[in-house]
Amino acid sequence: MATFPPEFVLPQKVRLRSLDETQVAPSQGGVTHKNRVGFMHRWGIDLTTPKLNYAKVMHLYSFICSMGGRFGTCVFQNPHPPIGKGIANALVRTSTDQGAKSVPLYAMNNSVNGALMPGDWVQFANHTKAYMVTAVLNTNGLGQGTVEFTPNLRKALPAGTSVKAGAAVNFTLELKSDDQDILLRADQGKQVAVQIDFVEYLND
């Protein structure tokens, strides 16, 4: 799988989208029935680069074209800076079922307040889905704590599964559209920004 060029990871702007799929069926009695379709949540990341010169624009555009539209995928380093202090070496403490919204962890630094904060990102080693932290994670004197996140856990976790957070999280993304275009004035040496719209790719 291709890796998004690291020199373009730190963007001028990032638009983050949360994409769920819900079935809604109003009844004759006026009650609306809702059903969530599996664990199909995906993140959307719309990237706008700083203004780039012609060579850099074409470098980035050639990479985007090489993905072959929605057919290809790439690994994209988390562009959002961490908020908490981090959870290096964290492991899942007890097996956790699919659908959970919290996971007990251990092997973190002892007695850390704000190891993870709401808006931080975590990822588990047995699947590629990225999760957003929803509550403060403090560790106790044994380096234990429970991380709460959204969306629901896509895949069950065995005890001992390693956990990544912050800049170590890598999104697996596909392009939102098969059509990709750029507008530039290379003849005048103009610098231009490039916008790329991605959607999280789920295949595990």
N, C-alpha and C. Protein backbone atom coordinates (compact mmCIF):
# COMPACT_ATOMS: atom_id res chain seq x y z
N MET A 1 0.84 -1.19 0.00
CA MET A 1 0.00 0.00 0.00
C MET A 1 0.89 1.25 0.00
N ALA A 2 0.51 2.23 -0.79
CA ALA A 2 1.30 3.45 -0.91
C ALA A 2 1.22 4.28 0.37
N THR A 3 2.26 5.05 0.63
CA THR A 3 2.29 5.98 1.75
C THR A 3 2.19 7.40 1.23
N PHE A 4 1.25 8.15 1.75
CA PHE A 4 1.09 9.54 1.34
C PHE A 4 2.40 10.29 1.59
N PRO A 5 2.88 11.08 0.62
CA PRO A 5 4.18 11.74 0.79
C PRO A 5 4.25 12.53 2.09
N PRO A 6 5.20 12.21 2.96
CA PRO A 6 5.23 12.81 4.30
C PRO A 6 5.41 14.32 4.30
N GLU A 7 6.04 14.87 3.25
CA GLU A 7 6.25 16.32 3.25
C GLU A 7 4.96 17.11 3.09
N PHE A 8 3.86 16.42 2.70
CA PHE A 8 2.58 17.10 2.54
C PHE A 8 1.59 16.76 3.65
N VAL A 9 2.04 16.05 4.68
CA VAL A 9 1.12 15.62 5.74
C VAL A 9 0.67 16.80 6.60
N LEU A 10 1.58 17.73 6.90
CA LEU A 10 1.20 18.88 7.71
C LEU A 10 0.53 19.91 6.81
N PRO A 11 -0.79 19.99 6.83
CA PRO A 11 -1.52 20.78 5.85
C PRO A 11 -1.76 22.22 6.31
N GLN A 12 -2.24 23.03 5.38
CA GLN A 12 -2.71 24.36 5.72
C GLN A 12 -4.05 24.25 6.45
N LYS A 13 -4.92 23.37 5.94
CA LYS A 13 -6.23 23.16 6.54
C LYS A 13 -6.59 21.68 6.46
N VAL A 14 -7.27 21.17 7.48
CA VAL A 14 -7.82 19.82 7.45
C VAL A 14 -9.28 19.89 7.88
N ARG A 15 -10.15 19.40 7.04
CA ARG A 15 -11.56 19.29 7.40
C ARG A 15 -11.81 17.84 7.77
N LEU A 16 -12.31 17.63 8.99
CA LEU A 16 -12.57 16.28 9.49
C LEU A 16 -14.07 16.02 9.42
N ARG A 17 -14.45 14.88 8.84
CA ARG A 17 -15.86 14.52 8.73
C ARG A 17 -16.09 13.16 9.40
N SER A 18 -17.23 13.02 10.08
CA SER A 18 -17.62 11.75 10.70
C SER A 18 -18.79 11.20 9.91
N LEU A 19 -18.62 10.00 9.35
CA LEU A 19 -19.60 9.44 8.42
C LEU A 19 -20.19 8.15 8.98
N ASP A 20 -21.47 8.19 9.36
CA ASP A 20 -22.18 7.02 9.84
C ASP A 20 -23.25 6.62 8.83
N GLU A 21 -23.75 5.38 8.95
CA GLU A 21 -24.85 4.93 8.12
C GLU A 21 -25.97 4.44 9.02
N THR A 22 -27.11 5.15 8.97
CA THR A 22 -28.25 4.83 9.81
C THR A 22 -29.47 4.61 8.94
N GLN A 23 -30.19 3.51 9.14
CA GLN A 23 -31.45 3.26 8.46
C GLN A 23 -32.58 3.86 9.28
N VAL A 24 -33.41 4.68 8.64
CA VAL A 24 -34.52 5.33 9.31
C VAL A 24 -35.82 4.97 8.60
N ALA A 25 -36.83 4.50 9.36
CA ALA A 25 -38.11 4.09 8.79
C ALA A 25 -39.25 4.59 9.67
N PRO A 26 -39.90 5.72 9.31
CA PRO A 26 -41.06 6.19 10.09
C PRO A 26 -42.20 5.18 10.01
N SER A 27 -42.90 4.98 11.13
CA SER A 27 -44.03 4.05 11.16
C SER A 27 -45.34 4.81 10.98
N GLN A 28 -46.44 4.06 10.78
CA GLN A 28 -47.76 4.68 10.63
C GLN A 28 -48.18 5.39 11.92
N GLY A 29 -47.66 4.96 13.05
CA GLY A 29 -48.03 5.57 14.32
C GLY A 29 -47.23 6.82 14.65
N GLY A 30 -46.36 7.23 13.73
CA GLY A 30 -45.58 8.44 13.94
C GLY A 30 -44.27 8.21 14.68
N VAL A 31 -43.98 6.96 15.04
CA VAL A 31 -42.73 6.64 15.72
C VAL A 31 -41.65 6.35 14.66
N THR A 32 -40.51 6.96 14.81
CA THR A 32 -39.41 6.73 13.87
C THR A 32 -38.51 5.61 14.38
N HIS A 33 -38.34 4.59 13.57
CA HIS A 33 -37.47 3.47 13.92
C HIS A 33 -36.10 3.67 13.26
N LYS A 34 -35.05 3.51 14.06
CA LYS A 34 -33.70 3.68 13.54
C LYS A 34 -32.87 2.42 13.78
N ASN A 35 -31.99 2.13 12.84
CA ASN A 35 -31.12 0.97 12.96
C ASN A 35 -29.74 1.31 12.41
N ARG A 36 -28.71 1.04 13.17
CA ARG A 36 -27.35 1.26 12.72
C ARG A 36 -26.89 0.08 11.88
N VAL A 37 -26.29 0.36 10.74
CA VAL A 37 -25.86 -0.68 9.82
C VAL A 37 -24.46 -1.14 10.22
N GLY A 38 -24.40 -2.26 10.93
CA GLY A 38 -23.11 -2.83 11.32
C GLY A 38 -22.20 -1.84 12.02
N PHE A 39 -20.90 -1.95 11.78
CA PHE A 39 -19.91 -1.03 12.33
C PHE A 39 -19.21 -0.36 11.15
N MET A 40 -19.98 0.47 10.46
CA MET A 40 -19.55 1.02 9.17
C MET A 40 -19.07 2.47 9.25
N HIS A 41 -18.88 3.00 10.45
CA HIS A 41 -18.43 4.38 10.57
C HIS A 41 -17.09 4.57 9.85
N ARG A 42 -16.98 5.72 9.18
CA ARG A 42 -15.72 6.09 8.53
C ARG A 42 -15.42 7.57 8.82
N TRP A 43 -14.15 7.88 8.86
CA TRP A 43 -13.73 9.28 8.94
C TRP A 43 -13.47 9.81 7.55
N GLY A 44 -13.83 11.06 7.32
CA GLY A 44 -13.46 11.76 6.09
C GLY A 44 -12.42 12.81 6.42
N ILE A 45 -11.37 12.90 5.62
CA ILE A 45 -10.32 13.90 5.81
C ILE A 45 -10.15 14.66 4.51
N ASP A 46 -10.47 15.96 4.56
CA ASP A 46 -10.30 16.83 3.39
C ASP A 46 -9.08 17.71 3.65
N LEU A 47 -8.07 17.55 2.83
CA LEU A 47 -6.77 18.17 3.03
C LEU A 47 -6.58 19.34 2.07
N THR A 48 -6.19 20.47 2.59
CA THR A 48 -5.77 21.60 1.75
C THR A 48 -4.33 21.94 2.11
N THR A 49 -3.44 21.87 1.15
CA THR A 49 -2.02 22.12 1.40
C THR A 49 -1.76 23.63 1.49
N PRO A 50 -0.63 24.02 2.04
CA PRO A 50 -0.18 25.41 1.85
C PRO A 50 0.06 25.66 0.35
N LYS A 51 0.27 26.89 -0.03
CA LYS A 51 0.57 27.18 -1.44
C LYS A 51 1.91 26.53 -1.81
N LEU A 52 1.90 25.81 -2.91
CA LEU A 52 3.07 25.05 -3.35
C LEU A 52 3.55 25.58 -4.70
N ASN A 53 4.85 25.44 -4.96
CA ASN A 53 5.35 25.80 -6.28
C ASN A 53 5.01 24.70 -7.29
N TYR A 54 5.29 24.98 -8.54
CA TYR A 54 4.87 24.07 -9.61
C TYR A 54 5.41 22.66 -9.43
N ALA A 55 6.69 22.52 -9.08
CA ALA A 55 7.29 21.19 -8.94
C ALA A 55 6.60 20.39 -7.84
N LYS A 56 6.30 21.05 -6.70
CA LYS A 56 5.66 20.35 -5.60
C LYS A 56 4.21 20.00 -5.93
N VAL A 57 3.53 20.91 -6.61
CA VAL A 57 2.15 20.62 -7.03
C VAL A 57 2.12 19.36 -7.90
N MET A 58 3.03 19.29 -8.86
CA MET A 58 3.03 18.15 -9.78
C MET A 58 3.47 16.87 -9.07
N HIS A 59 4.38 16.98 -8.10
CA HIS A 59 4.77 15.83 -7.29
C HIS A 59 3.54 15.25 -6.59
N LEU A 60 2.80 16.12 -5.90
CA LEU A 60 1.61 15.67 -5.18
C LEU A 60 0.54 15.15 -6.13
N TYR A 61 0.34 15.86 -7.22
CA TYR A 61 -0.71 15.46 -8.18
C TYR A 61 -0.38 14.10 -8.80
N SER A 62 0.89 13.86 -9.08
CA SER A 62 1.27 12.56 -9.66
C SER A 62 0.98 11.42 -8.68
N PHE A 63 1.18 11.69 -7.38
CA PHE A 63 0.86 10.66 -6.40
C PHE A 63 -0.63 10.40 -6.38
N ILE A 64 -1.44 11.45 -6.36
CA ILE A 64 -2.90 11.29 -6.32
C ILE A 64 -3.38 10.52 -7.55
N CYS A 65 -2.86 10.87 -8.71
CA CYS A 65 -3.26 10.15 -9.93
C CYS A 65 -2.85 8.69 -9.89
N SER A 66 -1.72 8.40 -9.25
CA SER A 66 -1.23 7.01 -9.20
C SER A 66 -2.14 6.11 -8.36
N MET A 67 -3.00 6.70 -7.51
CA MET A 67 -3.92 5.91 -6.70
C MET A 67 -5.05 5.31 -7.52
N GLY A 68 -5.25 5.82 -8.74
CA GLY A 68 -6.29 5.24 -9.59
C GLY A 68 -7.70 5.53 -9.10
N GLY A 69 -7.93 6.75 -8.63
CA GLY A 69 -9.25 7.10 -8.12
C GLY A 69 -9.58 6.34 -6.84
N ARG A 70 -10.85 5.97 -6.69
CA ARG A 70 -11.30 5.30 -5.47
C ARG A 70 -10.76 3.87 -5.36
N PHE A 71 -10.16 3.36 -6.42
CA PHE A 71 -9.66 1.98 -6.40
C PHE A 71 -8.47 1.81 -5.47
N GLY A 72 -7.61 2.83 -5.41
CA GLY A 72 -6.39 2.72 -4.62
C GLY A 72 -6.58 3.19 -3.19
N THR A 73 -5.61 2.86 -2.35
CA THR A 73 -5.60 3.31 -0.96
C THR A 73 -4.20 3.79 -0.59
N CYS A 74 -4.13 4.56 0.47
CA CYS A 74 -2.83 5.00 0.96
C CYS A 74 -2.85 5.09 2.47
N VAL A 75 -1.67 5.03 3.05
CA VAL A 75 -1.50 5.23 4.49
C VAL A 75 -1.17 6.70 4.70
N PHE A 76 -1.89 7.32 5.64
CA PHE A 76 -1.77 8.76 5.87
C PHE A 76 -1.52 9.00 7.34
N GLN A 77 -0.36 9.56 7.67
CA GLN A 77 -0.02 9.83 9.07
C GLN A 77 -1.00 10.84 9.66
N ASN A 78 -1.46 10.58 10.88
CA ASN A 78 -2.39 11.46 11.56
C ASN A 78 -1.90 12.92 11.51
N PRO A 79 -2.68 13.82 10.88
CA PRO A 79 -2.23 15.21 10.77
C PRO A 79 -2.62 16.07 11.97
N HIS A 80 -3.38 15.51 12.93
CA HIS A 80 -3.86 16.28 14.07
C HIS A 80 -2.87 16.18 15.23
N PRO A 81 -2.40 17.29 15.75
CA PRO A 81 -1.43 17.23 16.85
C PRO A 81 -2.04 16.62 18.11
N PRO A 82 -1.25 15.88 18.89
CA PRO A 82 -1.77 15.29 20.13
C PRO A 82 -2.13 16.36 21.15
N ILE A 83 -3.11 16.02 22.00
CA ILE A 83 -3.54 16.94 23.05
C ILE A 83 -3.02 16.45 24.41
N GLY A 84 -3.14 15.14 24.66
CA GLY A 84 -2.65 14.56 25.90
C GLY A 84 -1.15 14.31 25.88
N LYS A 85 -0.66 13.74 26.96
CA LYS A 85 0.78 13.50 27.13
C LYS A 85 1.27 12.23 26.44
N GLY A 86 0.34 11.33 26.04
CA GLY A 86 0.73 10.14 25.29
C GLY A 86 0.68 8.86 26.11
N ILE A 87 0.65 7.73 25.40
CA ILE A 87 0.55 6.41 26.04
C ILE A 87 1.53 5.44 25.40
N ALA A 88 2.77 5.77 25.34
CA ALA A 88 3.78 4.90 24.74
C ALA A 88 3.76 3.52 25.41
N ASN A 89 3.85 2.48 24.59
CA ASN A 89 3.94 1.07 25.03
C ASN A 89 2.64 0.51 25.60
N ALA A 90 1.52 1.19 25.42
CA ALA A 90 0.23 0.73 25.98
C ALA A 90 -0.21 -0.58 25.34
N LEU A 91 -0.82 -1.44 26.17
CA LEU A 91 -1.36 -2.72 25.73
C LEU A 91 -2.78 -2.87 26.27
N VAL A 92 -3.60 -3.66 25.56
CA VAL A 92 -4.95 -3.95 26.03
C VAL A 92 -4.87 -4.88 27.23
N ARG A 93 -5.55 -4.52 28.34
CA ARG A 93 -5.43 -5.28 29.58
C ARG A 93 -6.29 -6.54 29.59
N THR A 94 -7.52 -6.44 29.09
CA THR A 94 -8.41 -7.61 29.05
C THR A 94 -9.09 -7.67 27.69
N SER A 95 -9.41 -8.86 27.23
CA SER A 95 -10.09 -9.03 25.94
C SER A 95 -11.36 -8.18 25.91
N THR A 96 -11.61 -7.54 24.78
CA THR A 96 -12.74 -6.62 24.66
C THR A 96 -13.54 -6.96 23.41
N ASP A 97 -14.86 -7.01 23.55
CA ASP A 97 -15.74 -7.42 22.47
C ASP A 97 -15.94 -6.32 21.43
N GLN A 98 -16.24 -6.73 20.21
CA GLN A 98 -16.66 -5.80 19.17
C GLN A 98 -17.85 -4.99 19.66
N GLY A 99 -17.90 -3.71 19.31
CA GLY A 99 -19.00 -2.86 19.71
C GLY A 99 -18.75 -2.05 20.96
N ALA A 100 -17.69 -2.37 21.70
CA ALA A 100 -17.38 -1.63 22.93
C ALA A 100 -16.97 -0.20 22.60
N LYS A 101 -17.13 0.69 23.58
CA LYS A 101 -16.70 2.08 23.42
C LYS A 101 -15.65 2.47 24.45
N SER A 102 -15.10 1.47 25.15
CA SER A 102 -13.99 1.71 26.07
C SER A 102 -13.16 0.43 26.15
N VAL A 103 -11.87 0.60 26.41
CA VAL A 103 -10.94 -0.53 26.49
C VAL A 103 -9.98 -0.30 27.65
N PRO A 104 -9.83 -1.27 28.56
CA PRO A 104 -8.86 -1.14 29.64
C PRO A 104 -7.43 -1.38 29.12
N LEU A 105 -6.51 -0.53 29.57
CA LEU A 105 -5.12 -0.60 29.11
C LEU A 105 -4.16 -0.75 30.28
N TYR A 106 -2.95 -1.20 29.96
CA TYR A 106 -1.88 -1.24 30.96
C TYR A 106 -0.54 -1.02 30.27
N ALA A 107 0.54 -1.10 31.04
CA ALA A 107 1.91 -0.90 30.53
C ALA A 107 2.18 0.54 30.11
N MET A 108 1.39 1.48 30.62
CA MET A 108 1.64 2.90 30.37
C MET A 108 2.48 3.48 31.51
N ASN A 109 2.90 4.72 31.37
CA ASN A 109 3.64 5.38 32.46
C ASN A 109 2.73 5.53 33.67
N ASN A 110 3.30 5.39 34.85
CA ASN A 110 2.52 5.44 36.08
C ASN A 110 2.06 6.86 36.42
N SER A 111 0.85 6.97 36.93
CA SER A 111 0.33 8.21 37.54
C SER A 111 0.45 9.43 36.63
N VAL A 112 -0.09 9.29 35.42
CA VAL A 112 -0.08 10.40 34.46
C VAL A 112 -1.49 10.97 34.35
N ASN A 113 -1.64 12.25 34.67
CA ASN A 113 -2.92 12.93 34.46
C ASN A 113 -2.96 13.48 33.03
N GLY A 114 -4.04 13.14 32.29
CA GLY A 114 -4.17 13.62 30.92
C GLY A 114 -3.28 12.90 29.94
N ALA A 115 -3.10 11.60 30.14
CA ALA A 115 -2.32 10.82 29.16
C ALA A 115 -2.97 10.92 27.79
N LEU A 116 -4.30 10.82 27.74
CA LEU A 116 -5.07 11.07 26.52
C LEU A 116 -6.20 12.03 26.89
N MET A 117 -6.56 12.88 25.93
CA MET A 117 -7.60 13.86 26.13
C MET A 117 -8.66 13.74 25.04
N PRO A 118 -9.87 14.22 25.28
CA PRO A 118 -10.89 14.19 24.23
C PRO A 118 -10.38 14.87 22.95
N GLY A 119 -10.55 14.18 21.83
CA GLY A 119 -10.04 14.69 20.56
C GLY A 119 -8.74 14.05 20.13
N ASP A 120 -8.05 13.34 21.05
CA ASP A 120 -6.87 12.56 20.66
C ASP A 120 -7.31 11.35 19.83
N TRP A 121 -6.34 10.69 19.22
CA TRP A 121 -6.62 9.52 18.38
C TRP A 121 -5.91 8.29 18.93
N VAL A 122 -6.57 7.13 18.81
CA VAL A 122 -5.95 5.85 19.15
C VAL A 122 -6.23 4.85 18.04
N GLN A 123 -5.40 3.80 18.02
CA GLN A 123 -5.52 2.75 17.00
C GLN A 123 -4.98 1.45 17.60
N PHE A 124 -5.65 0.35 17.29
CA PHE A 124 -5.28 -0.95 17.84
C PHE A 124 -4.59 -1.78 16.76
N ALA A 125 -3.63 -2.60 17.18
CA ALA A 125 -2.74 -3.25 16.22
C ALA A 125 -3.42 -4.29 15.34
N ASN A 126 -4.59 -4.82 15.74
CA ASN A 126 -5.18 -5.91 14.96
C ASN A 126 -6.14 -5.44 13.87
N HIS A 127 -6.33 -4.12 13.70
CA HIS A 127 -7.11 -3.60 12.58
C HIS A 127 -6.76 -2.13 12.36
N THR A 128 -7.15 -1.60 11.20
CA THR A 128 -6.66 -0.28 10.78
C THR A 128 -7.55 0.87 11.20
N LYS A 129 -8.75 0.62 11.69
CA LYS A 129 -9.68 1.68 12.05
C LYS A 129 -9.07 2.64 13.07
N ALA A 130 -9.29 3.94 12.90
CA ALA A 130 -8.84 4.95 13.85
C ALA A 130 -10.02 5.38 14.72
N TYR A 131 -9.76 5.65 16.00
CA TYR A 131 -10.81 6.02 16.96
C TYR A 131 -10.45 7.34 17.64
N MET A 132 -11.48 8.15 17.91
CA MET A 132 -11.27 9.42 18.60
C MET A 132 -11.60 9.27 20.07
N VAL A 133 -10.70 9.72 20.92
CA VAL A 133 -10.88 9.66 22.37
C VAL A 133 -11.98 10.63 22.79
N THR A 134 -12.84 10.19 23.72
CA THR A 134 -13.98 11.01 24.15
C THR A 134 -13.93 11.42 25.62
N ALA A 135 -12.98 10.92 26.39
CA ALA A 135 -12.89 11.27 27.81
C ALA A 135 -11.42 11.28 28.22
N VAL A 136 -11.12 12.01 29.28
CA VAL A 136 -9.75 12.08 29.77
C VAL A 136 -9.29 10.71 30.27
N LEU A 137 -8.12 10.29 29.85
CA LEU A 137 -7.50 9.06 30.36
C LEU A 137 -6.37 9.43 31.30
N ASN A 138 -6.53 9.09 32.59
CA ASN A 138 -5.47 9.22 33.58
C ASN A 138 -4.97 7.82 33.92
N THR A 139 -3.70 7.66 34.15
CA THR A 139 -3.18 6.35 34.54
C THR A 139 -2.97 6.30 36.05
N ASN A 140 -3.12 5.09 36.60
CA ASN A 140 -2.91 4.93 38.04
C ASN A 140 -1.45 4.60 38.35
N GLY A 141 -1.17 4.25 39.60
CA GLY A 141 0.20 3.98 40.02
C GLY A 141 0.79 2.73 39.41
N LEU A 142 -0.04 1.91 38.74
CA LEU A 142 0.44 0.71 38.06
C LEU A 142 0.50 0.90 36.54
N GLY A 143 0.25 2.11 36.07
CA GLY A 143 0.27 2.36 34.63
C GLY A 143 -0.96 1.83 33.93
N GLN A 144 -2.07 1.76 34.65
CA GLN A 144 -3.32 1.26 34.08
C GLN A 144 -4.33 2.40 33.92
N GLY A 145 -5.26 2.22 33.00
CA GLY A 145 -6.33 3.18 32.79
C GLY A 145 -7.25 2.67 31.69
N THR A 146 -8.38 3.32 31.52
CA THR A 146 -9.35 2.90 30.51
C THR A 146 -9.55 4.02 29.51
N VAL A 147 -9.39 3.70 28.22
CA VAL A 147 -9.59 4.68 27.17
C VAL A 147 -11.03 4.57 26.66
N GLU A 148 -11.72 5.70 26.57
CA GLU A 148 -13.06 5.77 26.00
C GLU A 148 -12.96 6.47 24.65
N PHE A 149 -13.75 6.01 23.67
CA PHE A 149 -13.56 6.50 22.31
C PHE A 149 -14.85 6.36 21.50
N THR A 150 -14.83 6.93 20.31
CA THR A 150 -15.89 6.79 19.33
C THR A 150 -15.25 6.57 17.97
N PRO A 151 -15.86 5.82 17.05
CA PRO A 151 -17.12 5.09 17.17
C PRO A 151 -16.93 3.79 17.96
N ASN A 152 -17.95 2.93 17.91
CA ASN A 152 -17.85 1.63 18.57
C ASN A 152 -16.71 0.81 17.97
N LEU A 153 -16.13 -0.03 18.81
CA LEU A 153 -15.01 -0.88 18.39
C LEU A 153 -15.43 -1.77 17.22
N ARG A 154 -14.69 -1.66 16.13
CA ARG A 154 -15.06 -2.39 14.90
C ARG A 154 -14.71 -3.87 14.98
N LYS A 155 -13.67 -4.21 15.75
CA LYS A 155 -13.20 -5.59 15.81
C LYS A 155 -12.79 -5.93 17.23
N ALA A 156 -13.13 -7.13 17.70
CA ALA A 156 -12.78 -7.55 19.05
C ALA A 156 -11.27 -7.52 19.26
N LEU A 157 -10.86 -7.23 20.50
CA LEU A 157 -9.44 -7.10 20.82
C LEU A 157 -9.00 -8.20 21.79
N PRO A 158 -7.99 -8.97 21.45
CA PRO A 158 -7.41 -9.90 22.42
C PRO A 158 -6.59 -9.13 23.45
N ALA A 159 -6.49 -9.69 24.65
CA ALA A 159 -5.60 -9.11 25.67
C ALA A 159 -4.17 -9.07 25.12
N GLY A 160 -3.46 -8.00 25.42
CA GLY A 160 -2.08 -7.86 24.96
C GLY A 160 -1.92 -7.15 23.63
N THR A 161 -3.04 -6.79 22.98
CA THR A 161 -2.97 -6.05 21.72
C THR A 161 -2.32 -4.69 21.97
N SER A 162 -1.38 -4.31 21.14
CA SER A 162 -0.72 -3.02 21.32
C SER A 162 -1.60 -1.88 20.82
N VAL A 163 -1.37 -0.70 21.39
CA VAL A 163 -2.19 0.48 21.11
C VAL A 163 -1.27 1.63 20.71
N LYS A 164 -1.66 2.34 19.65
CA LYS A 164 -0.92 3.52 19.23
C LYS A 164 -1.78 4.76 19.47
N ALA A 165 -1.13 5.90 19.61
CA ALA A 165 -1.85 7.15 19.81
C ALA A 165 -1.08 8.30 19.17
N GLY A 166 -1.78 9.42 18.98
CA GLY A 166 -1.14 10.63 18.47
C GLY A 166 -0.57 10.47 17.07
N ALA A 167 0.66 10.93 16.88
CA ALA A 167 1.30 10.90 15.56
C ALA A 167 1.58 9.48 15.08
N ALA A 168 1.53 8.48 15.98
CA ALA A 168 1.77 7.09 15.58
C ALA A 168 0.56 6.47 14.89
N VAL A 169 -0.60 7.14 14.97
CA VAL A 169 -1.82 6.64 14.31
C VAL A 169 -1.71 6.92 12.81
N ASN A 170 -2.00 5.91 12.01
CA ASN A 170 -2.01 6.05 10.56
C ASN A 170 -3.40 5.72 10.02
N PHE A 171 -4.00 6.68 9.32
CA PHE A 171 -5.28 6.43 8.66
C PHE A 171 -5.03 5.66 7.37
N THR A 172 -5.91 4.72 7.06
CA THR A 172 -5.92 4.09 5.74
C THR A 172 -7.03 4.75 4.95
N LEU A 173 -6.67 5.42 3.85
CA LEU A 173 -7.61 6.28 3.15
C LEU A 173 -7.74 5.92 1.68
N GLU A 174 -8.92 6.21 1.14
CA GLU A 174 -9.15 6.16 -0.29
C GLU A 174 -9.66 7.53 -0.72
N LEU A 175 -9.53 7.84 -2.00
CA LEU A 175 -10.02 9.11 -2.50
C LEU A 175 -11.55 9.12 -2.49
N LYS A 176 -12.12 10.28 -2.24
CA LYS A 176 -13.57 10.42 -2.19
C LYS A 176 -14.18 10.30 -3.58
N SER A 177 -13.40 10.65 -4.61
CA SER A 177 -13.90 10.65 -5.99
C SER A 177 -12.88 10.01 -6.92
N ASP A 178 -13.37 9.51 -8.05
CA ASP A 178 -12.47 9.01 -9.09
C ASP A 178 -11.85 10.15 -9.89
N ASP A 179 -12.47 11.32 -9.86
CA ASP A 179 -12.02 12.46 -10.67
C ASP A 179 -11.16 13.39 -9.83
N GLN A 180 -9.96 13.68 -10.29
CA GLN A 180 -9.05 14.57 -9.58
C GLN A 180 -8.52 15.63 -10.55
N ASP A 181 -8.62 16.90 -10.16
CA ASP A 181 -8.13 17.95 -11.05
C ASP A 181 -7.40 19.02 -10.25
N ILE A 182 -6.54 19.75 -10.92
CA ILE A 182 -5.86 20.90 -10.32
C ILE A 182 -5.92 22.06 -11.29
N LEU A 183 -5.85 23.26 -10.75
CA LEU A 183 -5.83 24.47 -11.56
C LEU A 183 -4.59 25.25 -11.16
N LEU A 184 -3.70 25.50 -12.14
CA LEU A 184 -2.48 26.21 -11.81
C LEU A 184 -2.04 27.08 -12.97
N ARG A 185 -1.17 28.06 -12.64
CA ARG A 185 -0.63 28.98 -13.64
C ARG A 185 0.88 28.86 -13.62
N ALA A 186 1.37 27.72 -14.08
CA ALA A 186 2.80 27.45 -14.01
C ALA A 186 3.61 28.44 -14.84
N ASP A 187 3.00 28.97 -15.92
CA ASP A 187 3.74 29.86 -16.81
C ASP A 187 4.12 31.17 -16.12
N GLN A 188 3.39 31.52 -15.05
CA GLN A 188 3.70 32.74 -14.33
C GLN A 188 4.37 32.46 -12.97
N GLY A 189 4.71 31.22 -12.72
CA GLY A 189 5.37 30.87 -11.47
C GLY A 189 4.49 31.02 -10.26
N LYS A 190 3.19 30.95 -10.44
CA LYS A 190 2.27 31.13 -9.33
C LYS A 190 2.29 29.92 -8.40
N GLN A 191 2.21 30.19 -7.11
CA GLN A 191 2.06 29.11 -6.14
C GLN A 191 0.58 28.88 -5.88
N VAL A 192 0.20 27.62 -5.77
CA VAL A 192 -1.21 27.29 -5.58
C VAL A 192 -1.35 26.24 -4.48
N ALA A 193 -2.50 26.25 -3.82
CA ALA A 193 -2.83 25.21 -2.84
C ALA A 193 -3.53 24.07 -3.57
N VAL A 194 -3.39 22.87 -3.04
CA VAL A 194 -4.04 21.68 -3.61
C VAL A 194 -5.00 21.12 -2.57
N GLN A 195 -6.23 20.82 -3.00
CA GLN A 195 -7.20 20.20 -2.10
C GLN A 195 -7.42 18.75 -2.51
N ILE A 196 -7.40 17.86 -1.51
CA ILE A 196 -7.61 16.43 -1.74
C ILE A 196 -8.62 15.93 -0.70
N ASP A 197 -9.64 15.24 -1.15
CA ASP A 197 -10.67 14.74 -0.25
C ASP A 197 -10.56 13.23 -0.13
N PHE A 198 -10.39 12.76 1.12
CA PHE A 198 -10.21 11.34 1.41
C PHE A 198 -11.36 10.82 2.26
N VAL A 199 -11.56 9.51 2.20
CA VAL A 199 -12.49 8.80 3.10
C VAL A 199 -11.75 7.59 3.65
N GLU A 200 -11.97 7.30 4.93
CA GLU A 200 -11.31 6.14 5.55
C GLU A 200 -11.74 4.85 4.84
N TYR A 201 -10.76 3.99 4.60
CA TYR A 201 -10.99 2.72 3.92
C TYR A 201 -11.03 1.61 4.95
N LEU A 202 -12.10 0.82 4.92
CA LEU A 202 -12.28 -0.29 5.88
C LEU A 202 -12.25 -1.61 5.13
N ASN A 203 -11.32 -2.48 5.52
CA ASN A 203 -11.25 -3.79 4.86
C ASN A 203 -10.71 -4.85 5.83
N ASP A 204 -10.94 -4.66 7.14
CA ASP A 204 -10.50 -5.67 8.11
C ASP A 204 -11.43 -5.67 9.31
